[in-house]
Amino acid sequence: MKVLGISGSPRAQATEYILNEALNQLSEKGFETIMWTARAKDIEFCAHCDYCLENKECVIQDDMQKLYTLLTEADGIIIATPVYNGGVSAQIKTVMDRCRAPVAWDRKFFKGKVGMGITVGGDRAGGQELALMQIHTFYILNGMIPVSGGFFGANLGATFWSKDTLEGGKQDEEGFRSLKKTLKKFAEALKEREVHGGKTHE
């Protein structure tokens, strides 16, 4: 089972570090993992030009092309984002918008894939759960299976308080507890997907 981690931070700071830690834990459980970061990538905004609807490809040829391939191969997707103005980063929002193209050439492109979210805020209550809701909304709209950590500590997913520093992210014990709970549910959902041959219940 392949898991793709997408980091939406423009900096090599807490978000990227935490996502890498999550992927390492999944690797130890036997999953094949790969991380793609928006940092230093050339990604243009979606212009909603409808070129993809008519031509089954995105008119913009940039670093999203590699991500499309990785998304195709992934059984599970983890979107990790810093929290900007109470929501996901501009980079993650652009990635989400540009995913209109693969859905245009295959309406079931994302169907049945398992998704979870990681959000990292500079403040203790800086909009982490609002950003997670944006991530889950993307998953739901595209027919994916959104996974949270469940009750008591990880209701919508993994949330971190970085204090705007890499060290703050590394030291957030409560954040790592929420990550552990969410990864457990995520791994269980992936294994169920494997049992059913990559198919969801109709």
N, C-alpha and C. Protein backbone atom coordinates (compact mmCIF):
# COMPACT_ATOMS: atom_id res chain seq x y z
N MET A 1 0.84 -1.19 0.00
CA MET A 1 0.00 0.00 0.00
C MET A 1 0.88 1.24 0.00
N LYS A 2 0.55 2.17 -0.87
CA LYS A 2 1.36 3.37 -1.03
C LYS A 2 0.70 4.58 -0.38
N VAL A 3 1.49 5.32 0.38
CA VAL A 3 1.00 6.52 1.05
C VAL A 3 1.79 7.72 0.55
N LEU A 4 1.07 8.73 0.12
CA LEU A 4 1.68 9.97 -0.34
C LEU A 4 1.45 11.06 0.69
N GLY A 5 2.52 11.66 1.16
CA GLY A 5 2.42 12.80 2.06
C GLY A 5 2.68 14.08 1.30
N ILE A 6 1.79 15.04 1.43
CA ILE A 6 1.91 16.33 0.73
C ILE A 6 2.11 17.43 1.76
N SER A 7 3.26 18.08 1.72
CA SER A 7 3.53 19.19 2.63
C SER A 7 3.21 20.50 1.92
N GLY A 8 2.39 21.32 2.57
CA GLY A 8 1.99 22.59 1.97
C GLY A 8 2.71 23.78 2.55
N SER A 9 3.85 23.55 3.20
CA SER A 9 4.58 24.67 3.77
C SER A 9 5.63 25.19 2.79
N PRO A 10 5.77 26.50 2.67
CA PRO A 10 6.82 27.06 1.82
C PRO A 10 8.18 27.06 2.51
N ARG A 11 8.22 26.57 3.77
CA ARG A 11 9.47 26.54 4.53
C ARG A 11 9.77 25.12 5.01
N ALA A 12 11.04 24.83 5.20
CA ALA A 12 11.45 23.54 5.77
C ALA A 12 11.43 23.65 7.28
N GLN A 13 10.21 23.71 7.83
CA GLN A 13 10.06 23.91 9.27
C GLN A 13 9.20 22.80 9.87
N ALA A 14 8.35 23.15 10.81
CA ALA A 14 7.63 22.15 11.60
C ALA A 14 6.71 21.26 10.77
N THR A 15 5.98 21.83 9.81
CA THR A 15 5.03 21.03 9.03
C THR A 15 5.74 19.90 8.30
N GLU A 16 6.82 20.23 7.63
CA GLU A 16 7.57 19.23 6.88
C GLU A 16 8.17 18.18 7.81
N TYR A 17 8.68 18.63 8.95
CA TYR A 17 9.27 17.71 9.92
C TYR A 17 8.23 16.72 10.44
N ILE A 18 7.06 17.22 10.82
CA ILE A 18 6.02 16.37 11.39
C ILE A 18 5.50 15.39 10.35
N LEU A 19 5.30 15.85 9.12
CA LEU A 19 4.85 14.95 8.06
C LEU A 19 5.87 13.82 7.84
N ASN A 20 7.13 14.17 7.85
CA ASN A 20 8.17 13.16 7.68
C ASN A 20 8.14 12.14 8.82
N GLU A 21 7.89 12.61 10.04
CA GLU A 21 7.77 11.71 11.17
C GLU A 21 6.58 10.76 10.98
N ALA A 22 5.47 11.29 10.48
CA ALA A 22 4.28 10.47 10.24
C ALA A 22 4.58 9.39 9.20
N LEU A 23 5.25 9.76 8.13
CA LEU A 23 5.58 8.80 7.08
C LEU A 23 6.56 7.74 7.58
N ASN A 24 7.48 8.14 8.45
CA ASN A 24 8.42 7.17 9.02
C ASN A 24 7.67 6.13 9.85
N GLN A 25 6.68 6.58 10.62
CA GLN A 25 5.91 5.63 11.43
C GLN A 25 5.13 4.66 10.55
N LEU A 26 4.62 5.16 9.44
CA LEU A 26 3.90 4.28 8.52
C LEU A 26 4.84 3.31 7.82
N SER A 27 6.05 3.77 7.51
CA SER A 27 7.05 2.89 6.90
C SER A 27 7.38 1.72 7.82
N GLU A 28 7.45 2.02 9.11
CA GLU A 28 7.74 0.98 10.09
C GLU A 28 6.62 -0.06 10.17
N LYS A 29 5.41 0.36 9.75
CA LYS A 29 4.27 -0.56 9.73
C LYS A 29 4.18 -1.32 8.41
N GLY A 30 5.12 -1.06 7.49
CA GLY A 30 5.15 -1.80 6.24
C GLY A 30 4.57 -1.09 5.04
N PHE A 31 4.17 0.16 5.20
CA PHE A 31 3.62 0.91 4.08
C PHE A 31 4.75 1.54 3.25
N GLU A 32 4.53 1.64 1.95
CA GLU A 32 5.47 2.35 1.08
C GLU A 32 5.10 3.83 1.11
N THR A 33 6.04 4.68 1.44
CA THR A 33 5.72 6.10 1.61
C THR A 33 6.61 6.99 0.74
N ILE A 34 6.06 8.14 0.38
CA ILE A 34 6.82 9.14 -0.34
C ILE A 34 6.29 10.52 0.05
N MET A 35 7.17 11.49 0.16
CA MET A 35 6.75 12.85 0.49
C MET A 35 6.97 13.78 -0.69
N TRP A 36 5.96 14.59 -0.95
CA TRP A 36 6.05 15.64 -1.96
C TRP A 36 5.82 16.96 -1.25
N THR A 37 6.71 17.90 -1.44
CA THR A 37 6.54 19.20 -0.79
C THR A 37 6.31 20.31 -1.80
N ALA A 38 5.44 21.24 -1.43
CA ALA A 38 5.18 22.39 -2.29
C ALA A 38 6.31 23.41 -2.21
N ARG A 39 7.18 23.22 -1.22
CA ARG A 39 8.29 24.17 -1.04
C ARG A 39 9.16 24.23 -2.29
N ALA A 40 9.39 25.45 -2.77
CA ALA A 40 10.26 25.73 -3.92
C ALA A 40 9.75 25.13 -5.23
N LYS A 41 8.47 24.73 -5.25
CA LYS A 41 7.90 24.19 -6.49
C LYS A 41 7.27 25.31 -7.32
N ASP A 42 7.23 25.08 -8.62
CA ASP A 42 6.56 25.99 -9.55
C ASP A 42 5.13 25.49 -9.74
N ILE A 43 4.18 26.15 -9.09
CA ILE A 43 2.78 25.74 -9.17
C ILE A 43 1.92 26.97 -9.46
N GLU A 44 1.28 26.97 -10.59
CA GLU A 44 0.43 28.10 -10.97
C GLU A 44 -0.99 27.90 -10.44
N PHE A 45 -1.70 29.00 -10.26
CA PHE A 45 -3.08 28.94 -9.83
C PHE A 45 -3.98 28.34 -10.91
N CYS A 46 -5.03 27.66 -10.47
CA CYS A 46 -6.05 27.18 -11.41
C CYS A 46 -6.87 28.39 -11.89
N ALA A 47 -7.03 28.48 -13.21
CA ALA A 47 -7.80 29.59 -13.78
C ALA A 47 -9.23 29.18 -14.13
N HIS A 48 -9.57 27.92 -13.83
CA HIS A 48 -10.90 27.41 -14.12
C HIS A 48 -11.25 27.64 -15.59
N CYS A 49 -10.28 27.35 -16.46
CA CYS A 49 -10.44 27.64 -17.89
C CYS A 49 -11.19 26.55 -18.64
N ASP A 50 -11.40 25.41 -18.00
CA ASP A 50 -12.11 24.26 -18.58
C ASP A 50 -11.32 23.53 -19.66
N TYR A 51 -10.05 23.85 -19.82
CA TYR A 51 -9.22 23.14 -20.80
C TYR A 51 -9.17 21.65 -20.45
N CYS A 52 -9.09 21.34 -19.15
CA CYS A 52 -8.99 19.94 -18.73
C CYS A 52 -10.26 19.16 -19.06
N LEU A 53 -11.40 19.81 -19.05
CA LEU A 53 -12.65 19.13 -19.36
C LEU A 53 -12.71 18.72 -20.83
N GLU A 54 -12.13 19.51 -21.68
CA GLU A 54 -12.19 19.25 -23.12
C GLU A 54 -11.02 18.41 -23.62
N ASN A 55 -9.86 18.54 -22.93
CA ASN A 55 -8.64 17.89 -23.44
C ASN A 55 -8.07 16.81 -22.53
N LYS A 56 -8.70 16.60 -21.37
CA LYS A 56 -8.28 15.55 -20.44
C LYS A 56 -6.84 15.72 -19.97
N GLU A 57 -6.40 16.95 -19.87
CA GLU A 57 -5.12 17.28 -19.28
C GLU A 57 -5.14 18.74 -18.85
N CYS A 58 -4.22 19.11 -17.95
CA CYS A 58 -4.15 20.50 -17.51
C CYS A 58 -3.35 21.31 -18.51
N VAL A 59 -3.85 22.49 -18.83
CA VAL A 59 -3.15 23.34 -19.78
C VAL A 59 -1.83 23.86 -19.21
N ILE A 60 -1.73 23.88 -17.88
CA ILE A 60 -0.52 24.38 -17.22
C ILE A 60 0.46 23.22 -17.03
N GLN A 61 1.63 23.35 -17.59
CA GLN A 61 2.67 22.34 -17.45
C GLN A 61 3.71 22.83 -16.45
N ASP A 62 3.57 22.38 -15.21
CA ASP A 62 4.49 22.80 -14.15
C ASP A 62 4.73 21.64 -13.20
N ASP A 63 5.11 21.91 -11.98
CA ASP A 63 5.47 20.84 -11.05
C ASP A 63 4.27 20.03 -10.56
N MET A 64 3.06 20.44 -10.89
CA MET A 64 1.89 19.64 -10.55
C MET A 64 1.86 18.34 -11.35
N GLN A 65 2.51 18.31 -12.50
CA GLN A 65 2.46 17.11 -13.34
C GLN A 65 3.04 15.90 -12.59
N LYS A 66 4.13 16.10 -11.87
CA LYS A 66 4.71 15.02 -11.08
C LYS A 66 3.76 14.60 -9.97
N LEU A 67 3.10 15.57 -9.35
CA LEU A 67 2.18 15.25 -8.26
C LEU A 67 0.99 14.44 -8.78
N TYR A 68 0.51 14.75 -9.99
CA TYR A 68 -0.60 13.97 -10.56
C TYR A 68 -0.23 12.49 -10.63
N THR A 69 0.99 12.21 -11.04
CA THR A 69 1.45 10.81 -11.12
C THR A 69 1.47 10.17 -9.76
N LEU A 70 1.99 10.88 -8.76
CA LEU A 70 2.06 10.34 -7.40
C LEU A 70 0.66 10.12 -6.83
N LEU A 71 -0.25 11.01 -7.12
CA LEU A 71 -1.63 10.87 -6.64
C LEU A 71 -2.29 9.65 -7.28
N THR A 72 -2.01 9.41 -8.53
CA THR A 72 -2.56 8.25 -9.23
C THR A 72 -2.16 6.96 -8.54
N GLU A 73 -0.91 6.89 -8.11
CA GLU A 73 -0.36 5.66 -7.54
C GLU A 73 -0.70 5.47 -6.07
N ALA A 74 -1.14 6.52 -5.40
CA ALA A 74 -1.34 6.46 -3.95
C ALA A 74 -2.63 5.77 -3.55
N ASP A 75 -2.54 4.95 -2.50
CA ASP A 75 -3.74 4.38 -1.87
C ASP A 75 -4.22 5.29 -0.75
N GLY A 76 -3.27 5.95 -0.10
CA GLY A 76 -3.59 6.88 0.98
C GLY A 76 -2.87 8.20 0.78
N ILE A 77 -3.51 9.27 1.21
CA ILE A 77 -2.95 10.61 1.05
C ILE A 77 -2.99 11.33 2.40
N ILE A 78 -1.87 11.93 2.76
CA ILE A 78 -1.82 12.77 3.96
C ILE A 78 -1.50 14.20 3.51
N ILE A 79 -2.39 15.11 3.77
CA ILE A 79 -2.14 16.51 3.50
C ILE A 79 -1.75 17.20 4.80
N ALA A 80 -0.57 17.80 4.80
CA ALA A 80 -0.07 18.51 5.98
C ALA A 80 0.11 19.98 5.62
N THR A 81 -0.41 20.86 6.45
CA THR A 81 -0.34 22.28 6.13
C THR A 81 -0.10 23.13 7.37
N PRO A 82 0.67 24.20 7.21
CA PRO A 82 0.68 25.21 8.27
C PRO A 82 -0.64 25.95 8.22
N VAL A 83 -1.04 26.55 9.32
CA VAL A 83 -2.30 27.29 9.36
C VAL A 83 -2.03 28.76 9.07
N TYR A 84 -2.63 29.25 8.00
CA TYR A 84 -2.51 30.66 7.64
C TYR A 84 -3.90 31.29 7.67
N ASN A 85 -4.07 32.33 8.48
CA ASN A 85 -5.36 33.02 8.58
C ASN A 85 -6.52 32.07 8.85
N GLY A 86 -6.28 31.09 9.73
CA GLY A 86 -7.34 30.18 10.12
C GLY A 86 -7.67 29.11 9.11
N GLY A 87 -6.81 28.89 8.12
CA GLY A 87 -7.09 27.88 7.11
C GLY A 87 -5.82 27.28 6.55
N VAL A 88 -5.96 26.54 5.46
CA VAL A 88 -4.80 25.91 4.83
C VAL A 88 -3.93 26.96 4.16
N SER A 89 -2.70 26.59 3.87
CA SER A 89 -1.79 27.51 3.19
C SER A 89 -2.23 27.73 1.75
N ALA A 90 -1.75 28.81 1.16
CA ALA A 90 -2.06 29.10 -0.25
C ALA A 90 -1.55 27.98 -1.15
N GLN A 91 -0.44 27.37 -0.76
CA GLN A 91 0.12 26.29 -1.57
C GLN A 91 -0.81 25.08 -1.60
N ILE A 92 -1.35 24.70 -0.45
CA ILE A 92 -2.26 23.56 -0.41
C ILE A 92 -3.56 23.88 -1.13
N LYS A 93 -4.06 25.09 -0.96
CA LYS A 93 -5.29 25.46 -1.66
C LYS A 93 -5.08 25.39 -3.17
N THR A 94 -3.92 25.80 -3.64
CA THR A 94 -3.63 25.74 -5.07
C THR A 94 -3.56 24.29 -5.54
N VAL A 95 -2.93 23.43 -4.75
CA VAL A 95 -2.87 22.01 -5.09
C VAL A 95 -4.28 21.44 -5.20
N MET A 96 -5.12 21.75 -4.22
CA MET A 96 -6.50 21.26 -4.25
C MET A 96 -7.22 21.74 -5.52
N ASP A 97 -7.10 23.02 -5.82
CA ASP A 97 -7.78 23.58 -7.00
C ASP A 97 -7.28 22.94 -8.29
N ARG A 98 -5.97 22.70 -8.37
CA ARG A 98 -5.39 22.11 -9.58
C ARG A 98 -5.75 20.63 -9.74
N CYS A 99 -6.29 20.03 -8.69
CA CYS A 99 -6.73 18.63 -8.81
C CYS A 99 -8.05 18.51 -9.56
N ARG A 100 -8.57 19.62 -10.02
CA ARG A 100 -9.73 19.58 -10.91
C ARG A 100 -9.38 18.84 -12.20
N ALA A 101 -8.13 18.97 -12.63
CA ALA A 101 -7.71 18.36 -13.89
C ALA A 101 -7.79 16.84 -13.88
N PRO A 102 -7.16 16.13 -12.93
CA PRO A 102 -7.26 14.67 -12.96
C PRO A 102 -8.68 14.16 -12.80
N VAL A 103 -9.50 14.89 -12.05
CA VAL A 103 -10.90 14.49 -11.91
C VAL A 103 -11.64 14.69 -13.23
N ALA A 104 -11.19 15.66 -14.03
CA ALA A 104 -11.81 15.90 -15.33
C ALA A 104 -11.56 14.74 -16.28
N TRP A 105 -10.37 14.12 -16.19
CA TRP A 105 -10.11 13.00 -17.10
C TRP A 105 -10.50 11.66 -16.50
N ASP A 106 -10.79 11.64 -15.20
CA ASP A 106 -11.28 10.41 -14.57
C ASP A 106 -12.10 10.79 -13.35
N ARG A 107 -13.41 10.73 -13.46
CA ARG A 107 -14.29 11.16 -12.37
C ARG A 107 -14.07 10.34 -11.09
N LYS A 108 -13.49 9.15 -11.21
CA LYS A 108 -13.24 8.30 -10.04
C LYS A 108 -11.77 8.32 -9.64
N PHE A 109 -11.05 9.36 -10.05
CA PHE A 109 -9.61 9.45 -9.80
C PHE A 109 -9.27 9.27 -8.32
N PHE A 110 -10.02 9.90 -7.44
CA PHE A 110 -9.75 9.84 -6.00
C PHE A 110 -10.62 8.84 -5.25
N LYS A 111 -11.61 8.28 -5.90
CA LYS A 111 -12.62 7.48 -5.21
C LYS A 111 -12.00 6.32 -4.44
N GLY A 112 -12.34 6.23 -3.17
CA GLY A 112 -11.90 5.13 -2.34
C GLY A 112 -10.53 5.27 -1.72
N LYS A 113 -9.77 6.29 -2.13
CA LYS A 113 -8.48 6.53 -1.48
C LYS A 113 -8.74 7.01 -0.06
N VAL A 114 -7.81 6.72 0.83
CA VAL A 114 -7.96 7.10 2.23
C VAL A 114 -7.16 8.37 2.49
N GLY A 115 -7.77 9.31 3.20
CA GLY A 115 -7.09 10.59 3.45
C GLY A 115 -7.11 11.01 4.90
N MET A 116 -6.02 11.62 5.34
CA MET A 116 -5.98 12.22 6.68
C MET A 116 -5.28 13.56 6.59
N GLY A 117 -5.41 14.35 7.65
CA GLY A 117 -4.82 15.68 7.64
C GLY A 117 -3.95 15.94 8.86
N ILE A 118 -2.96 16.79 8.65
CA ILE A 118 -2.10 17.29 9.73
C ILE A 118 -2.07 18.80 9.60
N THR A 119 -2.37 19.51 10.68
CA THR A 119 -2.32 20.96 10.63
C THR A 119 -1.42 21.48 11.75
N VAL A 120 -0.66 22.50 11.42
CA VAL A 120 0.35 23.04 12.34
C VAL A 120 0.13 24.54 12.49
N GLY A 121 -0.22 24.96 13.70
CA GLY A 121 -0.46 26.38 13.95
C GLY A 121 0.59 26.99 14.85
N GLY A 122 0.87 28.25 14.62
CA GLY A 122 1.82 28.96 15.46
C GLY A 122 1.26 29.27 16.83
N ASP A 123 -0.07 29.34 16.93
CA ASP A 123 -0.75 29.54 18.21
C ASP A 123 -1.39 28.23 18.64
N ARG A 124 -1.64 28.08 19.93
CA ARG A 124 -2.26 26.86 20.44
C ARG A 124 -3.62 26.63 19.78
N ALA A 125 -4.40 27.70 19.67
CA ALA A 125 -5.70 27.62 19.00
C ALA A 125 -5.69 28.60 17.83
N GLY A 126 -4.97 28.22 16.79
CA GLY A 126 -4.77 29.13 15.67
C GLY A 126 -5.54 28.81 14.41
N GLY A 127 -6.54 27.91 14.53
CA GLY A 127 -7.32 27.53 13.36
C GLY A 127 -7.00 26.13 12.85
N GLN A 128 -6.33 25.33 13.66
CA GLN A 128 -5.95 23.99 13.23
C GLN A 128 -7.14 23.15 12.78
N GLU A 129 -8.23 23.17 13.55
CA GLU A 129 -9.38 22.34 13.19
C GLU A 129 -10.12 22.91 11.98
N LEU A 130 -10.12 24.23 11.83
CA LEU A 130 -10.73 24.82 10.63
C LEU A 130 -9.98 24.39 9.38
N ALA A 131 -8.65 24.35 9.47
CA ALA A 131 -7.85 23.90 8.34
C ALA A 131 -8.09 22.42 8.06
N LEU A 132 -8.24 21.61 9.12
CA LEU A 132 -8.55 20.20 8.92
C LEU A 132 -9.89 20.02 8.22
N MET A 133 -10.85 20.87 8.54
CA MET A 133 -12.16 20.78 7.88
C MET A 133 -12.04 21.07 6.39
N GLN A 134 -11.15 21.99 6.02
CA GLN A 134 -10.93 22.26 4.59
C GLN A 134 -10.34 21.03 3.90
N ILE A 135 -9.41 20.37 4.58
CA ILE A 135 -8.80 19.17 4.01
C ILE A 135 -9.84 18.07 3.86
N HIS A 136 -10.63 17.84 4.90
CA HIS A 136 -11.65 16.80 4.83
C HIS A 136 -12.71 17.12 3.79
N THR A 137 -13.03 18.39 3.62
CA THR A 137 -13.99 18.78 2.59
C THR A 137 -13.47 18.40 1.21
N PHE A 138 -12.19 18.63 0.97
CA PHE A 138 -11.57 18.23 -0.30
C PHE A 138 -11.70 16.73 -0.50
N TYR A 139 -11.42 15.95 0.55
CA TYR A 139 -11.51 14.50 0.45
C TYR A 139 -12.95 14.07 0.14
N ILE A 140 -13.90 14.62 0.87
CA ILE A 140 -15.31 14.23 0.71
C ILE A 140 -15.81 14.57 -0.69
N LEU A 141 -15.50 15.76 -1.16
CA LEU A 141 -15.96 16.18 -2.49
C LEU A 141 -15.44 15.27 -3.59
N ASN A 142 -14.29 14.66 -3.35
CA ASN A 142 -13.68 13.83 -4.39
C ASN A 142 -13.86 12.33 -4.14
N GLY A 143 -14.75 11.95 -3.24
CA GLY A 143 -15.09 10.55 -3.05
C GLY A 143 -14.08 9.75 -2.26
N MET A 144 -13.23 10.44 -1.51
CA MET A 144 -12.25 9.75 -0.68
C MET A 144 -12.84 9.36 0.68
N ILE A 145 -12.07 8.62 1.46
CA ILE A 145 -12.48 8.22 2.80
C ILE A 145 -11.66 9.05 3.79
N PRO A 146 -12.24 10.10 4.38
CA PRO A 146 -11.50 10.92 5.34
C PRO A 146 -11.43 10.23 6.69
N VAL A 147 -10.25 10.27 7.30
CA VAL A 147 -10.03 9.59 8.57
C VAL A 147 -9.55 10.60 9.62
N SER A 148 -10.14 10.50 10.80
CA SER A 148 -9.69 11.32 11.93
C SER A 148 -9.09 10.40 12.98
N GLY A 149 -8.68 10.99 14.09
CA GLY A 149 -8.14 10.18 15.17
C GLY A 149 -9.18 9.70 16.15
N GLY A 150 -10.41 10.13 15.96
CA GLY A 150 -11.48 9.71 16.85
C GLY A 150 -11.59 10.60 18.08
N PHE A 151 -12.42 10.16 19.02
CA PHE A 151 -12.71 10.93 20.22
C PHE A 151 -11.49 11.11 21.13
N PHE A 152 -11.57 12.12 21.97
CA PHE A 152 -10.60 12.35 23.04
C PHE A 152 -9.19 12.64 22.53
N GLY A 153 -9.06 13.75 21.83
CA GLY A 153 -7.71 14.22 21.52
C GLY A 153 -7.36 14.38 20.06
N ALA A 154 -8.13 13.77 19.15
CA ALA A 154 -7.81 13.91 17.73
C ALA A 154 -9.09 13.83 16.91
N ASN A 155 -10.05 14.64 17.29
CA ASN A 155 -11.40 14.55 16.73
C ASN A 155 -11.44 14.65 15.20
N LEU A 156 -10.67 15.56 14.64
CA LEU A 156 -10.66 15.73 13.19
C LEU A 156 -9.34 15.29 12.56
N GLY A 157 -8.33 15.07 13.37
CA GLY A 157 -7.02 14.68 12.83
C GLY A 157 -5.91 15.16 13.75
N ALA A 158 -4.72 15.23 13.19
CA ALA A 158 -3.54 15.60 13.98
C ALA A 158 -3.36 17.11 13.98
N THR A 159 -3.31 17.70 15.17
CA THR A 159 -3.14 19.15 15.29
C THR A 159 -1.93 19.46 16.15
N PHE A 160 -1.12 20.41 15.68
CA PHE A 160 0.13 20.75 16.36
C PHE A 160 0.20 22.24 16.67
N TRP A 161 0.89 22.54 17.76
CA TRP A 161 1.21 23.91 18.15
C TRP A 161 2.72 24.05 18.01
N SER A 162 3.16 24.80 17.01
CA SER A 162 4.59 24.91 16.73
C SER A 162 5.27 26.09 17.41
N LYS A 163 4.46 27.03 17.92
CA LYS A 163 5.00 28.28 18.46
C LYS A 163 5.86 28.99 17.41
N ASP A 164 5.52 28.75 16.15
CA ASP A 164 6.22 29.34 14.99
C ASP A 164 7.69 28.96 14.93
N THR A 165 8.03 27.80 15.48
CA THR A 165 9.42 27.34 15.40
C THR A 165 9.45 25.84 15.13
N LEU A 166 10.53 25.39 14.55
CA LEU A 166 10.72 23.96 14.34
C LEU A 166 10.78 23.23 15.68
N GLU A 167 11.52 23.80 16.65
CA GLU A 167 11.65 23.17 17.95
C GLU A 167 10.30 23.04 18.67
N GLY A 168 9.46 24.06 18.50
CA GLY A 168 8.13 23.99 19.10
C GLY A 168 7.33 22.82 18.58
N GLY A 169 7.42 22.59 17.27
CA GLY A 169 6.73 21.45 16.67
C GLY A 169 7.27 20.13 17.16
N LYS A 170 8.57 20.04 17.33
CA LYS A 170 9.19 18.81 17.81
C LYS A 170 8.80 18.48 19.25
N GLN A 171 8.50 19.52 20.03
CA GLN A 171 8.26 19.35 21.46
C GLN A 171 6.78 19.27 21.84
N ASP A 172 5.90 19.32 20.86
CA ASP A 172 4.47 19.31 21.16
C ASP A 172 3.99 17.88 21.42
N GLU A 173 4.06 17.45 22.68
CA GLU A 173 3.69 16.08 23.03
C GLU A 173 2.22 15.79 22.73
N GLU A 174 1.36 16.76 22.99
CA GLU A 174 -0.07 16.56 22.72
C GLU A 174 -0.30 16.41 21.23
N GLY A 175 0.44 17.17 20.43
CA GLY A 175 0.33 17.05 18.98
C GLY A 175 0.71 15.65 18.52
N PHE A 176 1.78 15.11 19.07
CA PHE A 176 2.22 13.78 18.66
C PHE A 176 1.26 12.70 19.15
N ARG A 177 0.56 12.95 20.26
CA ARG A 177 -0.48 12.00 20.68
C ARG A 177 -1.63 12.00 19.67
N SER A 178 -1.99 13.18 19.20
CA SER A 178 -3.06 13.26 18.20
C SER A 178 -2.61 12.62 16.89
N LEU A 179 -1.34 12.74 16.57
CA LEU A 179 -0.81 12.12 15.35
C LEU A 179 -0.85 10.59 15.46
N LYS A 180 -0.45 10.07 16.60
CA LYS A 180 -0.45 8.62 16.81
C LYS A 180 -1.84 8.04 16.66
N LYS A 181 -2.83 8.72 17.26
CA LYS A 181 -4.21 8.25 17.17
C LYS A 181 -4.71 8.28 15.73
N THR A 182 -4.40 9.35 15.03
CA THR A 182 -4.88 9.49 13.65
C THR A 182 -4.20 8.50 12.72
N LEU A 183 -2.91 8.29 12.90
CA LEU A 183 -2.19 7.32 12.07
C LEU A 183 -2.73 5.90 12.29
N LYS A 184 -3.12 5.59 13.51
CA LYS A 184 -3.68 4.27 13.79
C LYS A 184 -4.95 4.04 12.98
N LYS A 185 -5.85 5.01 12.99
CA LYS A 185 -7.11 4.90 12.24
C LYS A 185 -6.83 4.90 10.73
N PHE A 186 -5.88 5.69 10.32
CA PHE A 186 -5.50 5.78 8.91
C PHE A 186 -4.98 4.43 8.42
N ALA A 187 -4.08 3.82 9.18
CA ALA A 187 -3.51 2.52 8.81
C ALA A 187 -4.59 1.45 8.77
N GLU A 188 -5.52 1.49 9.71
CA GLU A 188 -6.62 0.51 9.72
C GLU A 188 -7.48 0.65 8.48
N ALA A 189 -7.77 1.88 8.07
CA ALA A 189 -8.59 2.10 6.89
C ALA A 189 -7.87 1.65 5.61
N LEU A 190 -6.56 1.86 5.57
CA LEU A 190 -5.78 1.41 4.42
C LEU A 190 -5.77 -0.11 4.32
N LYS A 191 -5.64 -0.79 5.46
CA LYS A 191 -5.63 -2.24 5.45
C LYS A 191 -6.98 -2.80 5.03
N GLU A 192 -8.06 -2.12 5.41
CA GLU A 192 -9.39 -2.53 4.97
C GLU A 192 -9.52 -2.35 3.46
N ARG A 193 -8.96 -1.27 2.96
CA ARG A 193 -8.97 -1.03 1.52
C ARG A 193 -8.23 -2.15 0.80
N GLU A 194 -7.11 -2.58 1.38
CA GLU A 194 -6.31 -3.65 0.77
C GLU A 194 -7.09 -4.96 0.74
N VAL A 195 -7.81 -5.25 1.82
CA VAL A 195 -8.61 -6.46 1.89
C VAL A 195 -9.66 -6.50 0.79
N HIS A 196 -10.20 -5.34 0.49
CA HIS A 196 -11.24 -5.26 -0.53
C HIS A 196 -10.68 -4.96 -1.92
N GLY A 197 -9.39 -5.15 -2.08
CA GLY A 197 -8.77 -4.98 -3.39
C GLY A 197 -8.81 -3.57 -3.91
N GLY A 198 -8.71 -2.59 -2.99
CA GLY A 198 -8.72 -1.20 -3.42
C GLY A 198 -10.08 -0.65 -3.72
N LYS A 199 -11.14 -1.45 -3.44
CA LYS A 199 -12.50 -1.02 -3.75
C LYS A 199 -13.21 -0.64 -2.46
N THR A 200 -14.15 0.25 -2.59
CA THR A 200 -14.98 0.63 -1.45
C THR A 200 -16.29 -0.09 -1.53
N HIS A 201 -17.01 -0.13 -0.41
CA HIS A 201 -18.34 -0.75 -0.41
C HIS A 201 -19.30 0.08 -1.24
N GLU A 202 -20.06 -0.56 -2.09
CA GLU A 202 -21.04 0.17 -2.93
C GLU A 202 -22.32 0.39 -2.13
